[in-house]
Amino acid sequence: MLVHLIQKRLQQQRRDELLQAVTESREAYAKGEVRSGTVADLLAELDS
């Protein structure tokens, strides 16, 4: 029973972390801080 409770708490913690990441991503997108491109574009930017 204790293991079950711990598992449930860990699952909820992960859900909360995912929700926070989604919220931050949506805010960044709304602010125009997100760009799209290909993998080649990303690699080229990382090399520069």
Protein backbone atom coordinates (compact mmCIF):
# COMPACT_ATOMS: atom_id res chain seq x y z
CA MET A 1 0.00 0.00 0.00
CA LEU A 2 2.81 2.43 0.79
CA VAL A 3 4.44 1.66 -2.55
CA HIS A 4 1.16 2.45 -4.29
CA LEU A 5 0.91 5.81 -2.54
CA ILE A 6 4.48 6.71 -3.44
CA GLN A 7 3.87 5.72 -7.07
CA LYS A 8 0.78 7.90 -7.21
CA ARG A 9 2.65 10.87 -5.75
CA LEU A 10 5.48 10.44 -8.25
CA GLN A 11 2.98 10.22 -11.10
CA GLN A 12 1.29 13.42 -9.95
CA GLN A 13 4.65 15.16 -9.58
CA ARG A 14 5.53 14.19 -13.16
CA ARG A 15 2.16 15.50 -14.38
CA ASP A 16 2.79 18.78 -12.60
CA GLU A 17 6.26 19.05 -14.18
CA LEU A 18 4.82 18.36 -17.64
CA LEU A 19 2.10 20.95 -17.12
CA GLN A 20 4.72 23.53 -16.15
CA ALA A 21 6.81 22.69 -19.24
CA VAL A 22 3.78 23.00 -21.52
CA THR A 23 2.83 26.32 -19.96
CA GLU A 24 6.35 27.68 -20.42
CA SER A 25 6.43 26.44 -24.02
CA ARG A 26 3.13 28.08 -24.84
CA GLU A 27 4.27 31.36 -23.30
CA ALA A 28 7.52 31.26 -25.29
CA TYR A 29 5.55 30.58 -28.47
CA ALA A 30 3.17 33.45 -27.75
CA LYS A 31 6.12 35.80 -27.24
CA GLY A 32 7.69 34.72 -30.52
CA GLU A 33 10.68 33.13 -28.82
CA VAL A 34 10.22 29.86 -30.70
CA ARG A 35 11.41 29.27 -34.24
CA SER A 36 10.82 26.41 -36.60
CA GLY A 37 13.26 24.80 -38.97
CA THR A 38 14.86 21.61 -40.07
CA VAL A 39 17.44 19.55 -38.25
CA ALA A 40 20.00 20.90 -40.71
CA ASP A 41 19.01 24.46 -39.72
CA LEU A 42 19.47 23.61 -36.05
CA LEU A 43 22.86 22.04 -36.61
CA ALA A 44 23.99 24.99 -38.70
CA GLU A 45 22.95 27.39 -35.96
CA LEU A 46 24.75 25.34 -33.33
CA ASP A 47 27.94 25.38 -35.41
CA SER A 48 27.92 29.17 -35.74
